[in-house]
Structure formats: structure tokens, C-alpha cells
Amino acid sequence: MALSSTKVVRLTFTTAGGKTFAITIDNPKENLQLTEAMAAMNSLISSDIFLTPSGALTGVRDIKVIDTTTNDLYDPPQA
């Protein structure tokens, strides 16, 4: 039984085909600022390194820092 915490940042983009594409990055730096995240996303868009099923990345859709706490109540016995 253990309590664990994880944090990710999810960067969501719009694509040329009108869909969305998300990248999730583990362990973002503490106190990540909007300007830093926007600069990184705009850099990814302008570098054109991702080709999704619905086309190239064209814009910023959303940025979320997600902090999850898990309370594992039961650990099964080891065989």
C-alpha cells in the first residue's frame, strides 16, 4: 500500500485536418509558465517535425499541467 503522485504537462495542438493532437510530457519543471509552454509549442509547430494522421500541426489548442495522486489500497501477494 502506497501513496504516489505523478505530474505531466499535456500540450494539445490543432492540425491541418481540423483535428487535435496531444503530446504528454512527464515531470514538467516546477512553476512552468504559460510563455515557456507557448514558446515550446510554437517551436514544435514551426519546425514541422510531427506528421499526424490528420496532417501537420497548425496551432495551439490547450495546455494543461495534470497532477495525479494515487492511493494504492491493495498490493496482491507475490507468487
PDB file of N, CA and C in Angstrom:
ATOM      1  N   MET A   1       0.851  -1.172   0.000  1.00  0.00           N
ATOM      2  CA  MET A   1       0.000   0.000   0.000  1.00  0.00           C
ATOM      3  C   MET A   1       0.895   1.234   0.000  1.00  0.00           C
ATOM      4  N   ALA A   2       0.576   2.116  -0.939  1.00  0.00           N
ATOM      5  CA  ALA A   2       1.416   3.299  -1.060  1.00  0.00           C
ATOM      6  C   ALA A   2       0.643   4.435  -1.697  1.00  0.00           C
ATOM      7  N   LEU A   3       1.081   5.622  -1.381  1.00  0.00           N
ATOM      8  CA  LEU A   3       0.543   6.834  -1.970  1.00  0.00           C
ATOM      9  C   LEU A   3       1.589   7.358  -2.947  1.00  0.00           C
ATOM     10  N   SER A   4       1.194   7.572  -4.197  1.00  0.00           N
ATOM     11  CA  SER A   4       2.143   8.081  -5.192  1.00  0.00           C
ATOM     12  C   SER A   4       1.531   9.266  -5.918  1.00  0.00           C
ATOM     13  N   SER A   5       2.389  10.123  -6.414  1.00  0.00           N
ATOM     14  CA  SER A   5       1.951  11.319  -7.122  1.00  0.00           C
ATOM     15  C   SER A   5       2.732  11.433  -8.427  1.00  0.00           C
ATOM     16  N   THR A   6       2.038  11.767  -9.495  1.00  0.00           N
ATOM     17  CA  THR A   6       2.682  11.989 -10.782  1.00  0.00           C
ATOM     18  C   THR A   6       2.198  13.316 -11.352  1.00  0.00           C
ATOM     19  N   LYS A   7       3.059  13.949 -12.130  1.00  0.00           N
ATOM     20  CA  LYS A   7       2.698  15.208 -12.767  1.00  0.00           C
ATOM     21  C   LYS A   7       3.125  15.144 -14.224  1.00  0.00           C
ATOM     22  N   VAL A   8       2.236  15.595 -15.105  1.00  0.00           N
ATOM     23  CA  VAL A   8       2.529  15.666 -16.536  1.00  0.00           C
ATOM     24  C   VAL A   8       2.042  17.011 -17.065  1.00  0.00           C
ATOM     25  N   VAL A   9       2.578  17.397 -18.210  1.00  0.00           N
ATOM     26  CA  VAL A   9       2.026  18.529 -18.943  1.00  0.00           C
ATOM     27  C   VAL A   9       1.519  17.978 -20.268  1.00  0.00           C
ATOM     28  N   ARG A  10       0.283  18.328 -20.607  1.00  0.00           N
ATOM     29  CA  ARG A  10      -0.312  17.878 -21.871  1.00  0.00           C
ATOM     30  C   ARG A  10      -0.437  19.081 -22.804  1.00  0.00           C
ATOM     31  N   LEU A  11       0.265  18.999 -23.925  1.00  0.00           N
ATOM     32  CA  LEU A  11       0.239  20.045 -24.939  1.00  0.00           C
ATOM     33  C   LEU A  11      -0.669  19.577 -26.069  1.00  0.00           C
ATOM     34  N   THR A  12      -1.728  20.307 -26.326  1.00  0.00           N
ATOM     35  CA  THR A  12      -2.686  19.912 -27.357  1.00  0.00           C
ATOM     36  C   THR A  12      -2.648  20.924 -28.502  1.00  0.00           C
ATOM     37  N   PHE A  13      -2.521  20.399 -29.698  1.00  0.00           N
ATOM     38  CA  PHE A  13      -2.391  21.203 -30.916  1.00  0.00           C
ATOM     39  C   PHE A  13      -3.596  20.990 -31.822  1.00  0.00           C
ATOM     40  N   THR A  14      -3.849  21.937 -32.717  1.00  0.00           N
ATOM     41  CA  THR A  14      -4.774  21.712 -33.821  1.00  0.00           C
ATOM     42  C   THR A  14      -3.939  21.259 -35.013  1.00  0.00           C
ATOM     43  N   THR A  15      -4.586  20.530 -35.922  1.00  0.00           N
ATOM     44  CA  THR A  15      -3.876  20.013 -37.093  1.00  0.00           C
ATOM     45  C   THR A  15      -4.492  20.560 -38.375  1.00  0.00           C
ATOM     46  N   ALA A  16      -3.769  20.358 -39.467  1.00  0.00           N
ATOM     47  CA  ALA A  16      -4.232  20.837 -40.775  1.00  0.00           C
ATOM     48  C   ALA A  16      -5.579  20.225 -41.159  1.00  0.00           C
ATOM     49  N   GLY A  17      -5.855  19.013 -40.670  1.00  0.00           N
ATOM     50  CA  GLY A  17      -7.118  18.344 -40.980  1.00  0.00           C
ATOM     51  C   GLY A  17      -8.259  18.709 -40.049  1.00  0.00           C
ATOM     52  N   GLY A  18      -8.040  19.689 -39.163  1.00  0.00           N
ATOM     53  CA  GLY A  18      -9.112  20.130 -38.266  1.00  0.00           C
ATOM     54  C   GLY A  18      -9.295  19.271 -37.028  1.00  0.00           C
ATOM     55  N   LYS A  19      -8.364  18.393 -36.758  1.00  0.00           N
ATOM     56  CA  LYS A  19      -8.429  17.533 -35.568  1.00  0.00           C
ATOM     57  C   LYS A  19      -7.471  18.074 -34.508  1.00  0.00           C
ATOM     58  N   THR A  20      -7.346  17.319 -33.402  1.00  0.00           N
ATOM     59  CA  THR A  20      -6.388  17.692 -32.367  1.00  0.00           C
ATOM     60  C   THR A  20      -5.342  16.596 -32.209  1.00  0.00           C
ATOM     61  N   PHE A  21      -4.181  16.990 -31.708  1.00  0.00           N
ATOM     62  CA  PHE A  21      -3.062  16.083 -31.466  1.00  0.00           C
ATOM     63  C   PHE A  21      -2.433  16.516 -30.153  1.00  0.00           C
ATOM     64  N   ALA A  22      -2.230  15.548 -29.231  1.00  0.00           N
ATOM     65  CA  ALA A  22      -1.692  15.878 -27.912  1.00  0.00           C
ATOM     66  C   ALA A  22      -0.372  15.165 -27.665  1.00  0.00           C
ATOM     67  N   ILE A  23       0.516  15.873 -26.979  1.00  0.00           N
ATOM     68  CA  ILE A  23       1.781  15.322 -26.518  1.00  0.00           C
ATOM     69  C   ILE A  23       1.781  15.443 -25.002  1.00  0.00           C
ATOM     70  N   THR A  24       2.081  14.356 -24.317  1.00  0.00           N
ATOM     71  CA  THR A  24       2.138  14.363 -22.860  1.00  0.00           C
ATOM     72  C   THR A  24       3.576  14.161 -22.426  1.00  0.00           C
ATOM     73  N   ILE A  25       4.061  15.056 -21.569  1.00  0.00           N
ATOM     74  CA  ILE A  25       5.440  15.030 -21.103  1.00  0.00           C
ATOM     75  C   ILE A  25       5.449  14.830 -19.589  1.00  0.00           C
ATOM     76  N   ASP A  26       6.167  13.791 -19.137  1.00  0.00           N
ATOM     77  CA  ASP A  26       6.275  13.505 -17.710  1.00  0.00           C
ATOM     78  C   ASP A  26       7.164  14.513 -17.010  1.00  0.00           C
ATOM     79  N   ASN A  27       6.875  14.723 -15.744  1.00  0.00           N
ATOM     80  CA  ASN A  27       7.714  15.528 -14.848  1.00  0.00           C
ATOM     81  C   ASN A  27       8.100  16.901 -15.395  1.00  0.00           C
ATOM     82  N   PRO A  28       7.111  17.748 -15.686  1.00  0.00           N
ATOM     83  CA  PRO A  28       7.464  19.095 -16.140  1.00  0.00           C
ATOM     84  C   PRO A  28       8.148  19.869 -15.016  1.00  0.00           C
ATOM     85  N   LYS A  29       8.907  20.875 -15.384  1.00  0.00           N
ATOM     86  CA  LYS A  29       9.604  21.647 -14.357  1.00  0.00           C
ATOM     87  C   LYS A  29       8.580  22.353 -13.464  1.00  0.00           C
ATOM     88  N   GLU A  30       8.979  22.556 -12.216  1.00  0.00           N
ATOM     89  CA  GLU A  30       8.111  23.259 -11.282  1.00  0.00           C
ATOM     90  C   GLU A  30       7.895  24.689 -11.777  1.00  0.00           C
ATOM     91  N   ASN A  31       6.723  25.224 -11.528  1.00  0.00           N
ATOM     92  CA  ASN A  31       6.374  26.607 -11.886  1.00  0.00           C
ATOM     93  C   ASN A  31       6.508  26.884 -13.380  1.00  0.00           C
ATOM     94  N   LEU A  32       6.130  25.912 -14.198  1.00  0.00           N
ATOM     95  CA  LEU A  32       6.127  26.118 -15.643  1.00  0.00           C
ATOM     96  C   LEU A  32       5.217  27.295 -15.970  1.00  0.00           C
ATOM     97  N   GLN A  33       5.713  28.220 -16.756  1.00  0.00           N
ATOM     98  CA  GLN A  33       4.964  29.426 -17.106  1.00  0.00           C
ATOM     99  C   GLN A  33       4.313  29.274 -18.484  1.00  0.00           C
ATOM    100  N   LEU A  34       3.197  29.965 -18.656  1.00  0.00           N
ATOM    101  CA  LEU A  34       2.472  29.931 -19.923  1.00  0.00           C
ATOM    102  C   LEU A  34       3.377  30.342 -21.080  1.00  0.00           C
ATOM    103  N   THR A  35       4.159  31.380 -20.908  1.00  0.00           N
ATOM    104  CA  THR A  35       5.017  31.858 -22.005  1.00  0.00           C
ATOM    105  C   THR A  35       6.029  30.800 -22.431  1.00  0.00           C
ATOM    106  N   GLU A  36       6.552  30.030 -21.466  1.00  0.00           N
ATOM    107  CA  GLU A  36       7.509  28.964 -21.789  1.00  0.00           C
ATOM    108  C   GLU A  36       6.839  27.844 -22.577  1.00  0.00           C
ATOM    109  N   ALA A  37       5.650  27.438 -22.133  1.00  0.00           N
ATOM    110  CA  ALA A  37       4.919  26.370 -22.816  1.00  0.00           C
ATOM    111  C   ALA A  37       4.515  26.808 -24.226  1.00  0.00           C
ATOM    112  N   MET A  38       4.045  28.046 -24.355  1.00  0.00           N
ATOM    113  CA  MET A  38       3.653  28.564 -25.673  1.00  0.00           C
ATOM    114  C   MET A  38       4.856  28.616 -26.614  1.00  0.00           C
ATOM    115  N   ALA A  39       6.000  29.053 -26.108  1.00  0.00           N
ATOM    116  CA  ALA A  39       7.201  29.125 -26.941  1.00  0.00           C
ATOM    117  C   ALA A  39       7.597  27.732 -27.428  1.00  0.00           C
ATOM    118  N   ALA A  40       7.532  26.742 -26.540  1.00  0.00           N
ATOM    119  CA  ALA A  40       7.871  25.366 -26.929  1.00  0.00           C
ATOM    120  C   ALA A  40       6.893  24.847 -27.982  1.00  0.00           C
ATOM    121  N   MET A  41       5.604  25.104 -27.780  1.00  0.00           N
ATOM    122  CA  MET A  41       4.604  24.631 -28.736  1.00  0.00           C
ATOM    123  C   MET A  41       4.775  25.310 -30.089  1.00  0.00           C
ATOM    124  N   ASN A  42       4.997  26.611 -30.078  1.00  0.00           N
ATOM    125  CA  ASN A  42       5.190  27.330 -31.352  1.00  0.00           C
ATOM    126  C   ASN A  42       6.444  26.853 -32.064  1.00  0.00           C
ATOM    127  N   SER A  43       7.468  26.494 -31.301  1.00  0.00           N
ATOM    128  CA  SER A  43       8.680  25.947 -31.896  1.00  0.00           C
ATOM    129  C   SER A  43       8.396  24.599 -32.568  1.00  0.00           C
ATOM    130  N   LEU A  44       7.608  23.751 -31.904  1.00  0.00           N
ATOM    131  CA  LEU A  44       7.246  22.456 -32.494  1.00  0.00           C
ATOM    132  C   LEU A  44       6.417  22.643 -33.768  1.00  0.00           C
ATOM    133  N   ILE A  45       5.510  23.619 -33.743  1.00  0.00           N
ATOM    134  CA  ILE A  45       4.680  23.881 -34.924  1.00  0.00           C
ATOM    135  C   ILE A  45       5.557  24.361 -36.085  1.00  0.00           C
ATOM    136  N   SER A  46       6.430  25.322 -35.822  1.00  0.00           N
ATOM    137  CA  SER A  46       7.241  25.897 -36.905  1.00  0.00           C
ATOM    138  C   SER A  46       8.303  24.930 -37.424  1.00  0.00           C
ATOM    139  N   SER A  47       8.766  24.003 -36.574  1.00  0.00           N
ATOM    140  CA  SER A  47       9.785  23.048 -37.028  1.00  0.00           C
ATOM    141  C   SER A  47       9.188  21.952 -37.910  1.00  0.00           C
ATOM    142  N   ASP A  48       7.862  21.766 -37.834  1.00  0.00           N
ATOM    143  CA  ASP A  48       7.152  20.811 -38.696  1.00  0.00           C
ATOM    144  C   ASP A  48       7.745  19.401 -38.604  1.00  0.00           C
ATOM    145  N   ILE A  49       8.049  18.946 -37.383  1.00  0.00           N
ATOM    146  CA  ILE A  49       8.655  17.623 -37.211  1.00  0.00           C
ATOM    147  C   ILE A  49       7.631  16.523 -36.942  1.00  0.00           C
ATOM    148  N   PHE A  50       6.380  16.902 -36.647  1.00  0.00           N
ATOM    149  CA  PHE A  50       5.344  15.902 -36.403  1.00  0.00           C
ATOM    150  C   PHE A  50       4.373  15.866 -37.574  1.00  0.00           C
ATOM    151  N   LEU A  51       4.139  14.680 -38.080  1.00  0.00           N
ATOM    152  CA  LEU A  51       3.118  14.493 -39.100  1.00  0.00           C
ATOM    153  C   LEU A  51       2.085  13.542 -38.507  1.00  0.00           C
ATOM    154  N   THR A  52       0.915  14.061 -38.229  1.00  0.00           N
ATOM    155  CA  THR A  52      -0.137  13.270 -37.599  1.00  0.00           C
ATOM    156  C   THR A  52      -1.031  12.663 -38.678  1.00  0.00           C
ATOM    157  N   PRO A  53      -1.897  11.734 -38.324  1.00  0.00           N
ATOM    158  CA  PRO A  53      -2.834  11.185 -39.312  1.00  0.00           C
ATOM    159  C   PRO A  53      -3.729  12.256 -39.947  1.00  0.00           C
ATOM    160  N   SER A  54      -3.920  13.374 -39.242  1.00  0.00           N
ATOM    161  CA  SER A  54      -4.753  14.442 -39.809  1.00  0.00           C
ATOM    162  C   SER A  54      -3.912  15.645 -40.261  1.00  0.00           C
ATOM    163  N   GLY A  55      -2.629  15.420 -40.525  1.00  0.00           N
ATOM    164  CA  GLY A  55      -1.786  16.467 -41.098  1.00  0.00           C
ATOM    165  C   GLY A  55      -0.868  17.142 -40.101  1.00  0.00           C
ATOM    166  N   ALA A  56      -0.214  18.173 -40.565  1.00  0.00           N
ATOM    167  CA  ALA A  56       0.779  18.903 -39.768  1.00  0.00           C
ATOM    168  C   ALA A  56       0.113  19.675 -38.629  1.00  0.00           C
ATOM    169  N   LEU A  57       0.920  19.994 -37.611  1.00  0.00           N
ATOM    170  CA  LEU A  57       0.444  20.824 -36.509  1.00  0.00           C
ATOM    171  C   LEU A  57       0.305  22.256 -37.010  1.00  0.00           C
ATOM    172  N   THR A  58      -0.834  22.892 -36.663  1.00  0.00           N
ATOM    173  CA  THR A  58      -1.082  24.239 -37.180  1.00  0.00           C
ATOM    174  C   THR A  58      -1.308  25.283 -36.089  1.00  0.00           C
ATOM    175  N   GLY A  59      -1.650  24.874 -34.879  1.00  0.00           N
ATOM    176  CA  GLY A  59      -1.924  25.863 -33.845  1.00  0.00           C
ATOM    177  C   GLY A  59      -1.954  25.263 -32.460  1.00  0.00           C
ATOM    178  N   VAL A  60      -1.984  26.157 -31.473  1.00  0.00           N
ATOM    179  CA  VAL A  60      -2.064  25.758 -30.064  1.00  0.00           C
ATOM    180  C   VAL A  60      -3.533  25.645 -29.681  1.00  0.00           C
ATOM    181  N   ARG A  61      -3.920  24.519 -29.111  1.00  0.00           N
ATOM    182  CA  ARG A  61      -5.304  24.309 -28.695  1.00  0.00           C
ATOM    183  C   ARG A  61      -5.460  24.418 -27.185  1.00  0.00           C
ATOM    184  N   ASP A  62      -4.531  23.775 -26.416  1.00  0.00           N
ATOM    185  CA  ASP A  62      -4.689  23.749 -24.967  1.00  0.00           C
ATOM    186  C   ASP A  62      -3.371  23.351 -24.311  1.00  0.00           C
ATOM    187  N   ILE A  63      -3.185  23.803 -23.073  1.00  0.00           N
ATOM    188  CA  ILE A  63      -2.023  23.422 -22.262  1.00  0.00           C
ATOM    189  C   ILE A  63      -2.542  23.116 -20.870  1.00  0.00           C
ATOM    190  N   LYS A  64      -2.240  21.913 -20.376  1.00  0.00           N
ATOM    191  CA  LYS A  64      -2.677  21.533 -19.035  1.00  0.00           C
ATOM    192  C   LYS A  64      -1.527  20.886 -18.274  1.00  0.00           C
ATOM    193  N   VAL A  65      -1.363  21.293 -17.013  1.00  0.00           N
ATOM    194  CA  VAL A  65      -0.480  20.584 -16.092  1.00  0.00           C
ATOM    195  C   VAL A  65      -1.404  19.732 -15.241  1.00  0.00           C
ATOM    196  N   ILE A  66      -1.176  18.420 -15.272  1.00  0.00           N
ATOM    197  CA  ILE A  66      -2.060  17.468 -14.586  1.00  0.00           C
ATOM    198  C   ILE A  66      -1.284  16.799 -13.470  1.00  0.00           C
ATOM    199  N   ASP A  67      -1.782  16.937 -12.250  1.00  0.00           N
ATOM    200  CA  ASP A  67      -1.151  16.357 -11.070  1.00  0.00           C
ATOM    201  C   ASP A  67      -2.097  15.282 -10.542  1.00  0.00           C
ATOM    202  N   THR A  68      -1.634  14.037 -10.499  1.00  0.00           N
ATOM    203  CA  THR A  68      -2.467  12.910 -10.088  1.00  0.00           C
ATOM    204  C   THR A  68      -1.884  12.251  -8.849  1.00  0.00           C
ATOM    205  N   THR A  69      -2.731  12.034  -7.856  1.00  0.00           N
ATOM    206  CA  THR A  69      -2.335  11.307  -6.656  1.00  0.00           C
ATOM    207  C   THR A  69      -3.084   9.978  -6.651  1.00  0.00           C
ATOM    208  N   THR A  70      -2.329   8.886  -6.465  1.00  0.00           N
ATOM    209  CA  THR A  70      -2.915   7.542  -6.443  1.00  0.00           C
ATOM    210  C   THR A  70      -2.687   6.911  -5.082  1.00  0.00           C
ATOM    211  N   ASN A  71      -3.752   6.414  -4.496  1.00  0.00           N
ATOM    212  CA  ASN A  71      -3.674   5.720  -3.225  1.00  0.00           C
ATOM    213  C   ASN A  71      -3.898   4.228  -3.512  1.00  0.00           C
ATOM    214  N   ASP A  72      -2.818   3.458  -3.545  1.00  0.00           N
ATOM    215  CA  ASP A  72      -2.873   2.033  -3.837  1.00  0.00           C
ATOM    216  C   ASP A  72      -3.269   1.311  -2.536  1.00  0.00           C
ATOM    217  N   LEU A  73      -4.518   0.881  -2.457  1.00  0.00           N
ATOM    218  CA  LEU A  73      -5.037   0.290  -1.226  1.00  0.00           C
ATOM    219  C   LEU A  73      -4.684  -1.172  -1.051  1.00  0.00           C
ATOM    220  N   TYR A  74      -4.354  -1.840  -2.135  1.00  0.00           N
ATOM    221  CA  TYR A  74      -4.124  -3.294  -2.027  1.00  0.00           C
ATOM    222  C   TYR A  74      -2.970  -3.703  -2.930  1.00  0.00           C
ATOM    223  N   ASP A  75      -2.007  -4.395  -2.376  1.00  0.00           N
ATOM    224  CA  ASP A  75      -0.921  -4.991  -3.141  1.00  0.00           C
ATOM    225  C   ASP A  75      -1.122  -6.501  -3.142  1.00  0.00           C
ATOM    226  N   PRO A  76      -1.288  -7.120  -4.316  1.00  0.00           N
ATOM    227  CA  PRO A  76      -1.501  -8.571  -4.345  1.00  0.00           C
ATOM    228  C   PRO A  76      -0.274  -9.311  -3.841  1.00  0.00           C
ATOM    229  N   PRO A  77      -0.471 -10.476  -3.252  1.00  0.00           N
ATOM    230  CA  PRO A  77       0.663 -11.271  -2.768  1.00  0.00           C
ATOM    231  C   PRO A  77       1.564 -11.686  -3.925  1.00  0.00           C
ATOM    232  N   GLN A  78       2.846 -11.728  -3.664  1.00  0.00           N
ATOM    233  CA  GLN A  78       3.819 -12.163  -4.672  1.00  0.00           C
ATOM    234  C   GLN A  78       3.858 -13.683  -4.724  1.00  0.00           C
ATOM    235  N   ALA A  79       3.962 -14.239  -5.922  1.00  0.00           N
ATOM    236  CA  ALA A  79       3.980 -15.687  -6.101  1.00  0.00           C
ATOM    237  C   ALA A  79       5.327 -16.286  -5.761  1.00  0.00           C
TER     238      ALA A  79
END
